[in-house]
């Protein structure tokens, strides 16, 4: 018996609770409702602690809480819609022999986030945070997708799941009156499940940043190192009867941002990020392109207690479309030293790996519920995008579509 997912090898190189959690590639475009409500910006002028911890350690002292300490607890509910289509032609007649189409299973799920910043005096400020940052996956189990329906029990189960939680500790220093620098140490927990049990590992990396405050204009920049995780005995990639390891490396990223306050009540920020998927181990093997992400966000202080936000985020899909690949059972593609069936490789990239959304629209608001307590809400819609490719001789057509909605909430205390 030959399952589709077996042919599709590691169809789970990046999964999240059986459904897609991707926004920019497989990374969240921002953490917390404040940043997400503004399109994911926050490198130059973050408006809460979680935004600063995620985007730029040098910006810890730029949050509106000022010299006070701040604690933020939040969560994001993701509700993606993922569909796939697999069309196979009869090589003898050229007619459509099999046409599978369906929606990935899985329900909406919650991604937590917590951040704390505090003043240490003498221009020093520190922060710690924990938050979900990355993931992607699908659940096409029990769909009855058979390569050969005449074989009893030949079900095409495709299930992918990767969970990545990051922990960060950082410090910023006010080098000059208008210039701050910062550095962070990152640790991550990575769990990969290819329907054969989870395989977890830990990654370590870092981040540096700077922030220049010119009064009504702020300019920020940050760089995050790659973080590698090795998932032991996660899947039999080359079908030799032995479970193989698979290395995944979160890409290096470089971000710059410019924020302006044309009035006392209006803030506008524009950010650009470069995510180096093309040189990240694992993603490189599956032929992802490095990605530029552009975001713009605005915040209006509508009243003394209420702020309104909106934003837009765009990043071209990093997943390359391959056309004309060899669909023959004997064709293979090399993945980390293993000869993987090319059909399975392409199934992975398109059906099990749909990190393809590009355009995101966001809104949000904050309300000061007490003197030192505020509530934040955010909503994001990622517009539907589709990727498709056709093999040589038009024998196989693969197509996947992804659309996302997310709802974010947090409470912040300044003290």
Protein backbone atom coordinates (compact mmCIF):
# COMPACT_ATOMS: atom_id res chain seq x y z
CA UNK A 1 0.00 0.00 0.00
CA UNK A 2 1.26 3.42 -0.86
CA UNK A 3 -0.18 6.42 0.92
CA UNK A 4 -0.08 9.83 -0.67
CA UNK A 5 1.67 11.18 2.37
CA UNK A 6 4.27 8.43 2.17
CA UNK A 7 4.93 9.44 -1.40
CA UNK A 8 4.85 13.01 -0.15
CA UNK A 9 7.55 12.18 2.35
CA UNK A 10 7.88 14.84 4.96
CA UNK A 11 4.74 16.59 4.06
CA UNK A 12 5.03 18.25 7.36
CA UNK A 13 8.15 20.15 7.32
CA UNK A 14 6.26 22.96 8.89
CA UNK A 15 2.90 22.36 10.47
CA UNK A 16 0.68 23.95 13.01
CA UNK A 17 -2.01 22.06 14.85
CA UNK A 18 -3.17 20.41 11.66
CA UNK A 19 -3.86 23.71 9.89
CA UNK A 20 -1.88 26.57 8.48
CA UNK A 21 -0.50 29.23 10.78
CA UNK A 22 1.62 31.03 8.22
CA UNK A 23 1.63 34.70 7.31
CA UNK A 24 5.07 35.72 5.96
CA UNK A 25 6.36 32.36 4.80
CA UNK A 26 5.76 30.30 7.95
CA UNK A 27 6.47 33.22 10.32
CA UNK A 28 3.89 35.30 12.11
CA UNK A 29 3.95 38.83 10.69
CA UNK A 30 3.76 40.24 14.22
CA UNK A 31 3.14 39.18 17.82
CA UNK A 32 0.27 40.62 19.85
CA UNK A 33 -2.77 42.69 18.81
CA UNK A 34 -0.98 46.05 18.80
CA UNK A 35 1.61 45.13 16.18
CA UNK A 36 -0.79 42.88 14.28
CA UNK A 37 -3.42 45.64 14.21
CA UNK A 38 -0.84 47.83 12.45
CA UNK A 39 0.22 45.32 9.80
CA UNK A 40 3.06 43.85 11.88
CA UNK A 41 5.13 47.06 12.21
CA UNK A 42 7.05 48.00 15.37
CA UNK A 43 10.78 48.17 14.57
CA UNK A 44 10.93 51.97 14.94
CA UNK A 45 8.16 52.92 17.38
CA UNK A 46 6.56 49.93 19.19
CA UNK A 47 3.43 50.66 21.18
CA UNK A 48 3.70 47.87 23.77
CA UNK A 49 6.28 45.55 25.32
CA UNK A 50 5.50 42.46 23.21
CA UNK A 51 5.96 44.47 20.01
CA UNK A 52 9.37 45.71 21.17
CA UNK A 53 10.51 42.27 22.37
CA UNK A 54 9.58 40.67 19.05
CA UNK A 55 10.79 43.41 16.68
CA UNK A 56 13.74 45.33 18.10
CA UNK A 57 15.50 44.99 21.50
CA UNK A 58 16.80 48.57 21.24
CA UNK A 59 13.19 49.80 21.34
CA UNK A 60 12.47 48.58 24.88
CA UNK A 61 12.67 52.14 26.18
CA UNK A 62 10.48 53.57 23.42
CA UNK A 63 7.20 52.02 24.54
CA UNK A 64 4.45 54.41 25.76
CA UNK A 65 4.76 53.06 29.33
CA UNK A 66 7.91 55.21 29.56
CA UNK A 67 10.16 54.52 32.55
CA UNK A 68 7.58 52.23 34.13
CA UNK A 69 7.69 48.47 34.02
CA UNK A 70 5.05 46.77 31.87
CA UNK A 71 3.60 43.27 31.72
CA UNK A 72 1.52 42.10 28.77
CA UNK A 73 -0.45 38.86 28.44
CA UNK A 74 -2.03 38.07 25.10
CA UNK A 75 -3.27 35.43 22.69
CA UNK A 76 -4.09 35.10 19.01
CA UNK A 77 -6.82 32.84 17.65
CA UNK A 78 -6.03 31.59 14.14
CA UNK A 79 -8.79 30.44 11.80
CA UNK A 80 -7.29 29.43 8.43
CA UNK A 81 -9.02 27.93 5.41
CA UNK A 82 -6.81 25.56 3.39
CA UNK A 83 -7.86 23.59 0.32
CA UNK A 84 -6.02 21.29 -2.08
CA UNK A 85 -6.61 19.67 -5.45
CA UNK A 86 -4.69 16.72 -6.96
CA UNK A 87 -5.46 15.74 -10.55
CA UNK A 88 -3.93 12.63 -12.16
CA UNK A 89 -4.24 11.74 -15.86
CA UNK A 90 -4.49 8.24 -17.33
CA UNK A 91 -1.19 7.82 -19.24
CA UNK A 92 -2.86 5.60 -21.82
CA UNK A 93 -5.85 7.77 -22.71
CA UNK A 94 -4.90 11.19 -21.41
CA UNK A 95 -8.25 11.41 -19.64
CA UNK A 96 -8.58 12.49 -16.01
CA UNK A 97 -8.20 9.33 -13.94
CA UNK A 98 -8.33 10.85 -10.48
CA UNK A 99 -9.42 14.28 -9.28
CA UNK A 100 -9.14 14.81 -5.50
CA UNK A 101 -10.30 18.06 -3.95
CA UNK A 102 -10.93 18.91 -0.32
CA UNK A 103 -10.49 21.24 2.63
CA UNK A 104 -7.93 20.66 5.36
CA UNK A 105 -9.34 19.64 8.72
CA UNK A 106 -8.49 21.22 12.04
CA UNK A 107 -10.18 23.95 14.02
CA UNK A 108 -9.20 27.42 15.12
CA UNK A 109 -6.47 27.35 17.75
CA UNK A 110 -4.76 29.71 20.20
CA UNK A 111 -1.20 31.08 20.16
CA UNK A 112 -0.10 32.62 23.50
CA UNK A 113 2.25 35.55 24.11
CA UNK A 114 3.65 37.21 27.23
CA UNK A 115 6.13 40.04 27.62
CA UNK A 116 7.67 41.96 30.52
CA UNK A 117 9.88 45.06 30.37
CA UNK A 118 11.46 46.94 33.28
CA UNK A 119 13.76 49.88 33.93
CA UNK A 120 17.16 49.11 35.50
CA UNK A 121 18.31 52.71 35.76
CA UNK A 122 21.35 54.41 34.22
CA UNK A 123 19.89 54.10 30.72
CA UNK A 124 19.45 50.31 30.97
CA UNK A 125 16.20 48.50 30.37
CA UNK A 126 15.52 44.78 30.15
CA UNK A 127 12.77 42.57 28.78
CA UNK A 128 11.73 38.94 28.67
CA UNK A 129 9.11 37.31 26.50
CA UNK A 130 7.63 34.02 25.33
CA UNK A 131 5.49 33.67 22.25
CA UNK A 132 4.57 31.39 19.36
CA UNK A 133 6.37 32.58 16.24
CA UNK A 134 6.13 30.06 13.45
CA UNK A 135 4.26 27.14 11.99
CA UNK A 136 2.49 25.62 9.06
CA UNK A 137 0.58 22.42 8.43
CA UNK A 138 -2.37 20.61 6.93
CA UNK A 139 -4.68 17.75 7.88
CA UNK A 140 -6.09 15.73 4.99
CA UNK A 141 -6.49 12.50 6.92
CA UNK A 142 -9.42 10.19 6.16
CA UNK A 143 -10.23 11.91 2.87
CA UNK A 144 -10.01 8.68 0.88
CA UNK A 145 -7.45 10.15 -1.50
CA UNK A 146 -6.06 7.02 -3.19
CA UNK A 147 -3.38 6.81 -5.83
CA UNK A 148 -4.80 3.40 -6.68
CA UNK A 149 -8.42 3.07 -5.44
CA UNK A 150 -8.45 -0.61 -6.38
CA UNK A 151 -6.12 -1.37 -3.47
CA UNK A 152 -8.14 -1.71 -0.22
CA UNK A 153 -7.00 0.59 2.55
CA UNK A 154 -4.82 2.71 0.26
CA UNK A 155 -5.81 5.99 1.88
CA UNK A 156 -4.09 9.26 1.03
CA UNK A 157 -3.46 10.65 4.50
CA UNK A 158 -1.58 13.93 4.51
CA UNK A 159 -0.91 15.42 7.95
CA UNK A 160 1.72 17.99 8.93
CA UNK A 161 2.49 19.80 12.16
CA UNK A 162 5.32 21.97 13.43
CA UNK A 163 5.12 24.04 16.60
CA UNK A 164 7.76 26.67 17.37
CA UNK A 165 7.74 28.62 20.63
CA UNK A 166 10.38 31.27 21.23
CA UNK A 167 11.76 32.57 24.53
CA UNK A 168 13.71 35.83 24.59
CA UNK A 169 15.72 37.76 27.13
CA UNK A 170 17.10 41.14 26.14
CA UNK A 171 18.59 44.42 27.28
CA UNK A 172 18.70 47.92 25.78
CA UNK A 173 21.02 50.81 26.58
CA UNK A 174 20.47 54.50 25.92
CA UNK A 175 23.84 55.24 24.36
CA UNK A 176 22.99 58.87 23.57
CA UNK A 177 19.96 61.03 24.26
CA UNK A 178 18.52 60.03 20.89
CA UNK A 179 20.26 56.71 20.22
CA UNK A 180 19.58 53.34 21.85
CA UNK A 181 21.13 49.94 21.17
CA UNK A 182 19.96 46.50 22.25
CA UNK A 183 20.72 42.79 22.14
CA UNK A 184 18.73 39.64 22.84
CA UNK A 185 19.35 35.95 23.43
CA UNK A 186 16.74 33.68 21.88
CA UNK A 187 15.85 30.09 22.69
CA UNK A 188 13.22 28.09 20.83
CA UNK A 189 11.30 24.86 21.31
CA UNK A 190 10.57 23.10 18.02
CA UNK A 191 8.26 20.09 17.65
CA UNK A 192 7.71 18.35 14.32
CA UNK A 193 5.08 15.62 13.82
CA UNK A 194 4.71 13.78 10.52
CA UNK A 195 1.86 11.62 11.82
CA UNK A 196 4.46 9.31 13.34
CA UNK A 197 4.81 11.06 16.69
CA UNK A 198 6.45 14.34 17.54
CA UNK A 199 10.20 14.92 17.27
CA UNK A 200 11.42 17.95 19.18
CA UNK A 201 14.62 19.94 19.47
CA UNK A 202 15.81 23.25 20.88
CA UNK A 203 17.38 26.14 18.98
CA UNK A 204 19.52 29.07 20.08
CA UNK A 205 20.02 32.41 18.38
CA UNK A 206 20.26 36.11 18.96
CA UNK A 207 19.12 39.54 17.87
CA UNK A 208 20.70 42.99 17.81
CA UNK A 209 19.08 46.34 17.13
CA UNK A 210 19.40 50.10 17.20
CA UNK A 211 16.92 52.97 17.42
CA UNK A 212 17.44 56.61 16.49
CA UNK A 213 14.85 59.07 17.84
CA UNK A 214 14.77 62.39 15.98
CA UNK A 215 11.74 63.79 17.76
CA UNK A 216 8.77 63.35 15.45
CA UNK A 217 10.68 60.77 13.43
CA UNK A 218 12.20 57.46 14.60
CA UNK A 219 14.39 55.06 12.63
CA UNK A 220 15.00 51.50 13.78
CA UNK A 221 16.88 48.46 12.54
CA UNK A 222 17.31 44.89 13.80
CA UNK A 223 19.01 41.67 12.75
CA UNK A 224 18.04 38.17 13.90
CA UNK A 225 20.38 35.21 13.47
CA UNK A 226 19.32 31.82 12.02
CA UNK A 227 18.18 29.18 14.52
CA UNK A 228 18.65 25.53 13.65
CA UNK A 229 16.72 22.54 14.97
CA UNK A 230 17.37 18.88 14.14
CA UNK A 231 14.38 16.56 14.28
CA UNK A 232 15.63 13.05 14.98
CA UNK A 233 13.99 9.93 13.51
CA UNK A 234 11.10 11.95 12.18
CA UNK A 235 10.36 10.14 8.89
CA UNK A 236 11.69 7.51 6.48
CA UNK A 237 12.60 9.92 3.68
CA UNK A 238 14.06 7.43 1.20
CA UNK A 239 11.93 4.41 2.21
CA UNK A 240 14.85 2.19 3.19
CA UNK A 241 13.10 1.07 6.37
CA UNK A 242 15.03 3.48 8.63
CA UNK A 243 13.69 6.67 10.18
CA UNK A 244 15.68 9.70 9.05
CA UNK A 245 16.52 13.05 10.62
CA UNK A 246 15.42 16.36 9.17
CA UNK A 247 17.08 19.70 9.92
CA UNK A 248 15.05 22.91 9.80
CA UNK A 249 16.60 26.32 10.21
CA UNK A 250 14.60 29.45 10.99
CA UNK A 251 16.02 32.01 8.55
CA UNK A 252 18.16 35.01 9.30
CA UNK A 253 16.15 38.22 9.06
CA UNK A 254 17.00 41.89 8.69
CA UNK A 255 14.45 44.60 9.35
CA UNK A 256 14.34 48.39 9.10
CA UNK A 257 11.55 50.76 10.04
CA UNK A 258 10.70 54.45 9.92
CA UNK A 259 7.96 55.98 12.09
CA UNK A 260 6.61 59.51 11.97
CA UNK A 261 4.19 61.43 14.16
CA UNK A 262 2.82 64.27 12.00
CA UNK A 263 0.53 65.28 14.88
CA UNK A 264 0.32 64.51 18.58
CA UNK A 265 -2.43 61.95 17.91
CA UNK A 266 -1.30 60.25 14.68
CA UNK A 267 1.50 57.70 14.24
CA UNK A 268 2.48 56.14 10.91
CA UNK A 269 5.20 53.49 10.55
CA UNK A 270 6.61 51.73 7.50
CA UNK A 271 8.77 48.59 7.91
CA UNK A 272 10.68 46.35 5.51
CA UNK A 273 12.02 42.89 6.40
CA UNK A 274 14.22 40.48 4.51
CA UNK A 275 13.65 36.80 5.40
CA UNK A 276 16.48 34.66 4.03
CA UNK A 277 14.55 31.43 3.35
CA UNK A 278 16.73 30.69 0.31
CA UNK A 279 19.78 30.09 2.52
CA UNK A 280 18.05 28.41 5.47
CA UNK A 281 18.65 24.68 5.78
CA UNK A 282 15.48 22.72 5.15
CA UNK A 283 13.69 25.55 3.35
CA UNK A 284 16.55 25.70 0.87
CA UNK A 285 16.14 21.96 0.27
CA UNK A 286 12.50 22.51 -0.63
CA UNK A 287 13.38 25.40 -2.93
CA UNK A 288 11.96 28.40 -1.08
CA UNK A 289 13.02 31.86 -2.23
CA UNK A 290 14.18 34.56 0.17
CA UNK A 291 11.41 37.06 0.79
CA UNK A 292 11.01 40.81 1.19
CA UNK A 293 8.08 41.79 3.42
CA UNK A 294 6.68 45.34 3.45
CA UNK A 295 4.29 46.66 6.08
CA UNK A 296 2.59 49.95 6.83
CA UNK A 297 0.56 50.75 9.92
CA UNK A 298 -1.19 53.75 11.42
CA UNK A 299 -2.46 54.57 14.90
CA UNK A 300 -4.87 57.37 15.78
CA UNK A 301 -5.34 58.44 19.39
CA UNK A 302 -9.07 59.01 18.97
CA UNK A 303 -9.74 59.97 22.61
CA UNK A 304 -7.76 60.15 25.83
CA UNK A 305 -8.55 56.48 26.41
CA UNK A 306 -9.01 54.98 22.95
CA UNK A 307 -6.56 54.37 20.10
CA UNK A 308 -7.56 53.03 16.67
CA UNK A 309 -5.22 51.14 14.31
CA UNK A 310 -5.06 49.81 10.75
CA UNK A 311 -2.38 48.31 8.56
CA UNK A 312 -1.35 46.38 5.48
CA UNK A 313 1.34 43.75 5.05
CA UNK A 314 2.65 42.21 1.81
CA UNK A 315 5.26 39.56 1.09
CA UNK A 316 5.45 37.55 -2.12
CA UNK A 317 5.05 33.81 -1.52
CA UNK A 318 8.45 32.14 -1.06
CA UNK A 319 7.20 28.81 -2.47
CA UNK A 320 8.44 28.42 -6.05
CA UNK A 321 6.17 26.85 -8.64
CA UNK A 322 7.82 23.96 -10.49
CA UNK A 323 6.42 22.94 -13.85
CA UNK A 324 7.59 20.06 -15.99
CA UNK A 325 8.96 17.90 -13.16
CA UNK A 326 9.32 14.16 -13.72
CA UNK A 327 6.24 12.28 -12.36
CA UNK A 328 7.67 8.79 -12.94
CA UNK A 329 7.89 6.57 -9.80
CA UNK A 330 11.64 6.10 -10.34
CA UNK A 331 12.41 9.85 -10.35
CA UNK A 332 14.05 11.17 -7.17
CA UNK A 333 15.15 14.49 -5.68
CA UNK A 334 17.94 14.87 -3.13
CA UNK A 335 16.89 16.21 0.28
CA UNK A 336 19.64 16.45 2.90
CA UNK A 337 21.51 13.52 1.38
CA UNK A 338 18.43 11.31 0.91
CA UNK A 339 16.91 10.34 -2.43
CA UNK A 340 13.25 11.26 -2.11
CA UNK A 341 10.61 10.37 -4.75
CA UNK A 342 10.10 13.51 -6.86
CA UNK A 343 6.33 13.07 -6.83
CA UNK A 344 6.38 13.08 -3.03
CA UNK A 345 8.76 16.04 -2.98
CA UNK A 346 6.37 18.13 -5.09
CA UNK A 347 3.39 16.97 -3.06
CA UNK A 348 5.16 18.23 0.02
CA UNK A 349 5.98 21.62 -1.42
CA UNK A 350 2.54 22.37 -2.81
CA UNK A 351 -0.05 20.35 -0.85
CA UNK A 352 1.68 19.91 2.51
CA UNK A 353 3.62 23.19 2.50
CA UNK A 354 1.20 25.95 1.47
CA UNK A 355 2.94 29.00 3.00
CA UNK A 356 1.59 31.12 0.19
CA UNK A 357 -0.53 34.02 1.48
CA UNK A 358 0.77 37.41 0.38
CA UNK A 359 -1.59 40.30 1.21
CA UNK A 360 -2.88 41.02 4.72
CA UNK A 361 -5.25 43.75 5.95
CA UNK A 362 -5.48 44.53 9.67
CA UNK A 363 -7.38 46.67 12.16
CA UNK A 364 -7.20 47.10 15.93
CA UNK A 365 -7.98 49.24 18.93
CA UNK A 366 -6.81 49.86 22.49
CA UNK A 367 -8.75 51.15 25.47
CA UNK A 368 -7.43 52.45 28.80
CA UNK A 369 -9.62 50.58 31.25
CA UNK A 370 -7.82 51.95 34.32
CA UNK A 371 -4.96 54.30 35.12
CA UNK A 372 -2.29 51.62 34.62
CA UNK A 373 -4.26 49.01 32.68
CA UNK A 374 -5.10 48.82 28.99
CA UNK A 375 -6.88 46.35 26.73
CA UNK A 376 -5.85 45.68 23.12
CA UNK A 377 -7.74 44.00 20.27
CA UNK A 378 -6.62 43.18 16.73
CA UNK A 379 -7.99 41.49 13.62
CA UNK A 380 -6.15 40.28 10.51
CA UNK A 381 -7.43 38.94 7.20
CA UNK A 382 -4.97 37.28 4.82
CA UNK A 383 -6.51 37.27 1.35
CA UNK A 384 -6.79 33.97 -0.48
CA UNK A 385 -3.83 32.99 -2.63
CA UNK A 386 -3.38 29.91 -4.81
CA UNK A 387 -0.30 28.05 -6.00
CA UNK A 388 -0.39 25.38 -8.72
CA UNK A 389 2.00 23.41 -10.90
CA UNK A 390 1.91 20.71 -13.58
CA UNK A 391 4.32 17.83 -14.16
CA UNK A 392 5.83 16.78 -17.46
CA UNK A 393 3.28 15.39 -19.95
CA UNK A 394 0.60 17.15 -17.84
CA UNK A 395 0.30 13.86 -15.97
CA UNK A 396 -0.11 15.45 -12.52
CA UNK A 397 -1.60 18.78 -11.51
CA UNK A 398 -1.19 20.03 -7.93
CA UNK A 399 -2.97 23.04 -6.46
CA UNK A 400 -3.33 24.56 -2.98
CA UNK A 401 -5.15 27.63 -1.70
CA UNK A 402 -4.87 29.43 1.62
CA UNK A 403 -6.91 32.16 3.32
CA UNK A 404 -6.60 33.26 6.96
CA UNK A 405 -8.42 35.16 9.69
CA UNK A 406 -6.97 35.85 13.12
CA UNK A 407 -8.22 37.57 16.25
CA UNK A 408 -5.82 38.90 18.89
CA UNK A 409 -6.33 40.09 22.46
CA UNK A 410 -4.04 41.31 25.23
CA UNK A 411 -4.06 43.07 28.57
CA UNK A 412 -1.20 45.32 29.69
CA UNK A 413 -0.26 46.56 33.17
CA UNK A 414 2.19 49.41 33.76
CA UNK A 415 3.66 49.77 37.26
